[in-house]
Amino acid sequence: MELLNRNIICPYCGEDIEILVDNSISESDYYEDCSVCCRPIRVQVNVDHEGACLLMILRDDE
């Protein structure tokens, strides 16, 4: 398992926050609460065969 620190923008409050992403799994879809406003952020992670990590950050209602 390899965890990466990634900075994202919260889709609710607009603050820059840091999350940990596990890039050892090719696809994952989970929720993480914003450390500033505590609202649920949907995080979709896709890792390609070369190890590049693509994040999709969504609101809970999207």
PDB file of N, CA and C in Angstrom:
ATOM      1  N   MET A   1       0.838  -1.175   0.000  1.00  0.00           N
ATOM      2  CA  MET A   1       0.000   0.000   0.000  1.00  0.00           C
ATOM      3  C   MET A   1       0.886   1.243   0.000  1.00  0.00           C
ATOM      4  N   GLU A   2       0.538   2.168  -0.867  1.00  0.00           N
ATOM      5  CA  GLU A   2       1.275   3.424  -0.909  1.00  0.00           C
ATOM      6  C   GLU A   2       0.282   4.566  -0.749  1.00  0.00           C
ATOM      7  N   LEU A   3       0.469   5.346   0.293  1.00  0.00           N
ATOM      8  CA  LEU A   3      -0.401   6.494   0.544  1.00  0.00           C
ATOM      9  C   LEU A   3       0.290   7.766   0.073  1.00  0.00           C
ATOM     10  N   LEU A   4      -0.459   8.569  -0.650  1.00  0.00           N
ATOM     11  CA  LEU A   4       0.054   9.830  -1.162  1.00  0.00           C
ATOM     12  C   LEU A   4      -0.710  10.992  -0.538  1.00  0.00           C
ATOM     13  N   ASN A   5      -0.009  12.046  -0.170  1.00  0.00           N
ATOM     14  CA  ASN A   5      -0.660  13.282   0.273  1.00  0.00           C
ATOM     15  C   ASN A   5      -1.049  14.072  -0.959  1.00  0.00           C
ATOM     16  N   ARG A   6      -2.305  14.469  -1.022  1.00  0.00           N
ATOM     17  CA  ARG A   6      -2.790  15.286  -2.142  1.00  0.00           C
ATOM     18  C   ARG A   6      -3.537  16.487  -1.594  1.00  0.00           C
ATOM     19  N   ASN A   7      -3.309  17.635  -2.186  1.00  0.00           N
ATOM     20  CA  ASN A   7      -4.070  18.832  -1.842  1.00  0.00           C
ATOM     21  C   ASN A   7      -5.239  18.943  -2.800  1.00  0.00           C
ATOM     22  N   ILE A   8      -6.420  19.184  -2.229  1.00  0.00           N
ATOM     23  CA  ILE A   8      -7.627  19.365  -3.029  1.00  0.00           C
ATOM     24  C   ILE A   8      -8.351  20.618  -2.546  1.00  0.00           C
ATOM     25  N   ILE A   9      -9.287  21.078  -3.336  1.00  0.00           N
ATOM     26  CA  ILE A   9     -10.142  22.197  -2.949  1.00  0.00           C
ATOM     27  C   ILE A   9     -11.496  21.619  -2.551  1.00  0.00           C
ATOM     28  N   CYS A  10     -11.961  21.946  -1.358  1.00  0.00           N
ATOM     29  CA  CYS A  10     -13.260  21.467  -0.907  1.00  0.00           C
ATOM     30  C   CYS A  10     -14.344  22.050  -1.820  1.00  0.00           C
ATOM     31  N   PRO A  11     -15.231  21.197  -2.364  1.00  0.00           N
ATOM     32  CA  PRO A  11     -16.277  21.697  -3.263  1.00  0.00           C
ATOM     33  C   PRO A  11     -17.377  22.472  -2.535  1.00  0.00           C
ATOM     34  N   TYR A  12     -17.353  22.500  -1.216  1.00  0.00           N
ATOM     35  CA  TYR A  12     -18.344  23.241  -0.432  1.00  0.00           C
ATOM     36  C   TYR A  12     -17.816  24.606   0.014  1.00  0.00           C
ATOM     37  N   CYS A  13     -16.702  24.582   0.777  1.00  0.00           N
ATOM     38  CA  CYS A  13     -16.213  25.829   1.376  1.00  0.00           C
ATOM     39  C   CYS A  13     -15.084  26.476   0.589  1.00  0.00           C
ATOM     40  N   GLY A  14     -14.499  25.747  -0.387  1.00  0.00           N
ATOM     41  CA  GLY A  14     -13.453  26.316  -1.219  1.00  0.00           C
ATOM     42  C   GLY A  14     -12.070  26.348  -0.586  1.00  0.00           C
ATOM     43  N   GLU A  15     -11.929  25.748   0.588  1.00  0.00           N
ATOM     44  CA  GLU A  15     -10.626  25.729   1.257  1.00  0.00           C
ATOM     45  C   GLU A  15      -9.722  24.662   0.660  1.00  0.00           C
ATOM     46  N   ASP A  16      -8.433  24.932   0.679  1.00  0.00           N
ATOM     47  CA  ASP A  16      -7.408  23.986   0.237  1.00  0.00           C
ATOM     48  C   ASP A  16      -7.139  23.042   1.407  1.00  0.00           C
ATOM     49  N   ILE A  17      -7.402  21.735   1.226  1.00  0.00           N
ATOM     50  CA  ILE A  17      -7.184  20.756   2.285  1.00  0.00           C
ATOM     51  C   ILE A  17      -6.314  19.623   1.759  1.00  0.00           C
ATOM     52  N   GLU A  18      -5.742  18.869   2.680  1.00  0.00           N
ATOM     53  CA  GLU A  18      -4.892  17.743   2.309  1.00  0.00           C
ATOM     54  C   GLU A  18      -5.600  16.440   2.652  1.00  0.00           C
ATOM     55  N   ILE A  19      -5.562  15.483   1.715  1.00  0.00           N
ATOM     56  CA  ILE A  19      -6.109  14.156   1.957  1.00  0.00           C
ATOM     57  C   ILE A  19      -5.048  13.112   1.637  1.00  0.00           C
ATOM     58  N   LEU A  20      -5.240  11.917   2.168  1.00  0.00           N
ATOM     59  CA  LEU A  20      -4.371  10.789   1.852  1.00  0.00           C
ATOM     60  C   LEU A  20      -5.069   9.918   0.824  1.00  0.00           C
ATOM     61  N   VAL A  21      -4.342   9.527  -0.217  1.00  0.00           N
ATOM     62  CA  VAL A  21      -4.894   8.710  -1.292  1.00  0.00           C
ATOM     63  C   VAL A  21      -4.070   7.432  -1.392  1.00  0.00           C
ATOM     64  N   ASP A  22      -4.760   6.283  -1.403  1.00  0.00           N
ATOM     65  CA  ASP A  22      -4.100   4.986  -1.569  1.00  0.00           C
ATOM     66  C   ASP A  22      -4.051   4.684  -3.063  1.00  0.00           C
ATOM     67  N   ASN A  23      -2.862   4.736  -3.650  1.00  0.00           N
ATOM     68  CA  ASN A  23      -2.759   4.498  -5.087  1.00  0.00           C
ATOM     69  C   ASN A  23      -2.385   3.056  -5.430  1.00  0.00           C
ATOM     70  N   SER A  24      -2.479   2.154  -4.454  1.00  0.00           N
ATOM     71  CA  SER A  24      -2.218   0.745  -4.742  1.00  0.00           C
ATOM     72  C   SER A  24      -3.462   0.034  -5.278  1.00  0.00           C
ATOM     73  N   ILE A  25      -4.615   0.703  -5.228  1.00  0.00           N
ATOM     74  CA  ILE A  25      -5.874   0.161  -5.739  1.00  0.00           C
ATOM     75  C   ILE A  25      -6.212   0.918  -7.019  1.00  0.00           C
ATOM     76  N   SER A  26      -6.518   0.200  -8.093  1.00  0.00           N
ATOM     77  CA  SER A  26      -6.723   0.859  -9.388  1.00  0.00           C
ATOM     78  C   SER A  26      -7.953   1.765  -9.415  1.00  0.00           C
ATOM     79  N   GLU A  27      -9.013   1.412  -8.683  1.00  0.00           N
ATOM     80  CA  GLU A  27     -10.211   2.253  -8.619  1.00  0.00           C
ATOM     81  C   GLU A  27     -10.772   2.230  -7.211  1.00  0.00           C
ATOM     82  N   SER A  28     -11.131   3.400  -6.704  1.00  0.00           N
ATOM     83  CA  SER A  28     -11.818   3.464  -5.416  1.00  0.00           C
ATOM     84  C   SER A  28     -12.758   4.658  -5.419  1.00  0.00           C
ATOM     85  N   ASP A  29     -13.782   4.571  -4.595  1.00  0.00           N
ATOM     86  CA  ASP A  29     -14.814   5.589  -4.497  1.00  0.00           C
ATOM     87  C   ASP A  29     -15.216   5.642  -3.029  1.00  0.00           C
ATOM     88  N   TYR A  30     -14.937   6.753  -2.365  1.00  0.00           N
ATOM     89  CA  TYR A  30     -15.210   6.838  -0.931  1.00  0.00           C
ATOM     90  C   TYR A  30     -15.523   8.273  -0.542  1.00  0.00           C
ATOM     91  N   TYR A  31     -15.952   8.455   0.697  1.00  0.00           N
ATOM     92  CA  TYR A  31     -16.257   9.780   1.229  1.00  0.00           C
ATOM     93  C   TYR A  31     -15.253  10.146   2.304  1.00  0.00           C
ATOM     94  N   GLU A  32     -14.891  11.398   2.313  1.00  0.00           N
ATOM     95  CA  GLU A  32     -14.002  11.934   3.342  1.00  0.00           C
ATOM     96  C   GLU A  32     -14.546  13.295   3.745  1.00  0.00           C
ATOM     97  N   ASP A  33     -14.628  13.544   5.041  1.00  0.00           N
ATOM     98  CA  ASP A  33     -15.139  14.822   5.512  1.00  0.00           C
ATOM     99  C   ASP A  33     -14.089  15.909   5.367  1.00  0.00           C
ATOM    100  N   CYS A  34     -14.526  17.094   4.969  1.00  0.00           N
ATOM    101  CA  CYS A  34     -13.631  18.246   4.882  1.00  0.00           C
ATOM    102  C   CYS A  34     -13.136  18.583   6.285  1.00  0.00           C
ATOM    103  N   SER A  35     -11.846  18.820   6.420  1.00  0.00           N
ATOM    104  CA  SER A  35     -11.267  19.143   7.728  1.00  0.00           C
ATOM    105  C   SER A  35     -11.603  20.561   8.173  1.00  0.00           C
ATOM    106  N   VAL A  36     -12.178  21.379   7.275  1.00  0.00           N
ATOM    107  CA  VAL A  36     -12.547  22.753   7.622  1.00  0.00           C
ATOM    108  C   VAL A  36     -14.043  22.861   7.918  1.00  0.00           C
ATOM    109  N   CYS A  37     -14.889  22.447   6.962  1.00  0.00           N
ATOM    110  CA  CYS A  37     -16.346  22.626   7.126  1.00  0.00           C
ATOM    111  C   CYS A  37     -17.080  21.340   7.510  1.00  0.00           C
ATOM    112  N   CYS A  38     -16.376  20.210   7.550  1.00  0.00           N
ATOM    113  CA  CYS A  38     -16.904  18.901   7.973  1.00  0.00           C
ATOM    114  C   CYS A  38     -17.968  18.309   7.045  1.00  0.00           C
ATOM    115  N   ARG A  39     -18.126  18.835   5.852  1.00  0.00           N
ATOM    116  CA  ARG A  39     -19.102  18.272   4.921  1.00  0.00           C
ATOM    117  C   ARG A  39     -18.485  17.085   4.174  1.00  0.00           C
ATOM    118  N   PRO A  40     -19.338  16.133   3.724  1.00  0.00           N
ATOM    119  CA  PRO A  40     -18.824  14.922   3.077  1.00  0.00           C
ATOM    120  C   PRO A  40     -18.417  15.164   1.619  1.00  0.00           C
ATOM    121  N   ILE A  41     -17.163  14.876   1.330  1.00  0.00           N
ATOM    122  CA  ILE A  41     -16.616  15.020  -0.022  1.00  0.00           C
ATOM    123  C   ILE A  41     -16.502  13.627  -0.622  1.00  0.00           C
ATOM    124  N   ARG A  42     -17.042  13.451  -1.823  1.00  0.00           N
ATOM    125  CA  ARG A  42     -16.906  12.177  -2.522  1.00  0.00           C
ATOM    126  C   ARG A  42     -15.603  12.200  -3.306  1.00  0.00           C
ATOM    127  N   VAL A  43     -14.759  11.213  -3.058  1.00  0.00           N
ATOM    128  CA  VAL A  43     -13.451  11.116  -3.703  1.00  0.00           C
ATOM    129  C   VAL A  43     -13.446   9.866  -4.582  1.00  0.00           C
ATOM    130  N   GLN A  44     -13.242  10.058  -5.872  1.00  0.00           N
ATOM    131  CA  GLN A  44     -13.102   8.942  -6.801  1.00  0.00           C
ATOM    132  C   GLN A  44     -11.649   8.928  -7.272  1.00  0.00           C
ATOM    133  N   VAL A  45     -11.011   7.767  -7.155  1.00  0.00           N
ATOM    134  CA  VAL A  45      -9.603   7.620  -7.511  1.00  0.00           C
ATOM    135  C   VAL A  45      -9.474   6.574  -8.610  1.00  0.00           C
ATOM    136  N   ASN A  46      -8.756   6.924  -9.661  1.00  0.00           N
ATOM    137  CA  ASN A  46      -8.420   5.979 -10.734  1.00  0.00           C
ATOM    138  C   ASN A  46      -6.912   6.035 -10.949  1.00  0.00           C
ATOM    139  N   VAL A  47      -6.281   4.863 -10.904  1.00  0.00           N
ATOM    140  CA  VAL A  47      -4.842   4.760 -11.111  1.00  0.00           C
ATOM    141  C   VAL A  47      -4.625   3.957 -12.393  1.00  0.00           C
ATOM    142  N   ASP A  48      -3.896   4.549 -13.346  1.00  0.00           N
ATOM    143  CA  ASP A  48      -3.656   3.835 -14.604  1.00  0.00           C
ATOM    144  C   ASP A  48      -2.503   2.840 -14.458  1.00  0.00           C
ATOM    145  N   HIS A  49      -2.222   2.086 -15.512  1.00  0.00           N
ATOM    146  CA  HIS A  49      -1.196   1.039 -15.471  1.00  0.00           C
ATOM    147  C   HIS A  49       0.220   1.581 -15.266  1.00  0.00           C
ATOM    148  N   GLU A  50       0.420   2.875 -15.506  1.00  0.00           N
ATOM    149  CA  GLU A  50       1.726   3.494 -15.275  1.00  0.00           C
ATOM    150  C   GLU A  50       1.851   4.113 -13.888  1.00  0.00           C
ATOM    151  N   GLY A  51       0.759   4.055 -13.110  1.00  0.00           N
ATOM    152  CA  GLY A  51       0.791   4.579 -11.745  1.00  0.00           C
ATOM    153  C   GLY A  51       0.307   6.002 -11.599  1.00  0.00           C
ATOM    154  N   ALA A  52      -0.135   6.628 -12.704  1.00  0.00           N
ATOM    155  CA  ALA A  52      -0.656   7.996 -12.615  1.00  0.00           C
ATOM    156  C   ALA A  52      -2.010   7.963 -11.904  1.00  0.00           C
ATOM    157  N   CYS A  53      -2.199   8.874 -10.981  1.00  0.00           N
ATOM    158  CA  CYS A  53      -3.385   8.904 -10.143  1.00  0.00           C
ATOM    159  C   CYS A  53      -4.285  10.070 -10.559  1.00  0.00           C
ATOM    160  N   LEU A  54      -5.537   9.766 -10.907  1.00  0.00           N
ATOM    161  CA  LEU A  54      -6.514  10.774 -11.289  1.00  0.00           C
ATOM    162  C   LEU A  54      -7.577  10.863 -10.205  1.00  0.00           C
ATOM    163  N   LEU A  55      -7.771  12.063  -9.651  1.00  0.00           N
ATOM    164  CA  LEU A  55      -8.763  12.274  -8.600  1.00  0.00           C
ATOM    165  C   LEU A  55      -9.960  13.032  -9.163  1.00  0.00           C
ATOM    166  N   MET A  56     -11.142  12.615  -8.738  1.00  0.00           N
ATOM    167  CA  MET A  56     -12.366  13.344  -9.040  1.00  0.00           C
ATOM    168  C   MET A  56     -12.970  13.717  -7.690  1.00  0.00           C
ATOM    169  N   ILE A  57     -13.141  15.008  -7.449  1.00  0.00           N
ATOM    170  CA  ILE A  57     -13.639  15.499  -6.176  1.00  0.00           C
ATOM    171  C   ILE A  57     -15.044  16.045  -6.415  1.00  0.00           C
ATOM    172  N   LEU A  58     -16.028  15.494  -5.689  1.00  0.00           N
ATOM    173  CA  LEU A  58     -17.416  15.848  -5.914  1.00  0.00           C
ATOM    174  C   LEU A  58     -18.130  16.173  -4.601  1.00  0.00           C
ATOM    175  N   ARG A  59     -19.205  16.942  -4.723  1.00  0.00           N
ATOM    176  CA  ARG A  59     -20.088  17.167  -3.584  1.00  0.00           C
ATOM    177  C   ARG A  59     -20.906  15.900  -3.365  1.00  0.00           C
ATOM    178  N   ASP A  60     -21.464  15.760  -2.193  1.00  0.00           N
ATOM    179  CA  ASP A  60     -22.279  14.600  -1.873  1.00  0.00           C
ATOM    180  C   ASP A  60     -23.515  14.503  -2.774  1.00  0.00           C
ATOM    181  N   ASP A  61     -24.038  15.631  -3.250  1.00  0.00           N
ATOM    182  CA  ASP A  61     -25.265  15.642  -4.047  1.00  0.00           C
ATOM    183  C   ASP A  61     -25.005  15.589  -5.548  1.00  0.00           C
ATOM    184  N   GLU A  62     -23.771  15.376  -5.979  1.00  0.00           N
ATOM    185  CA  GLU A  62     -23.436  15.301  -7.410  1.00  0.00           C
ATOM    186  C   GLU A  62     -23.412  13.859  -7.882  1.00  0.00           C
TER     187      GLU A  62
END
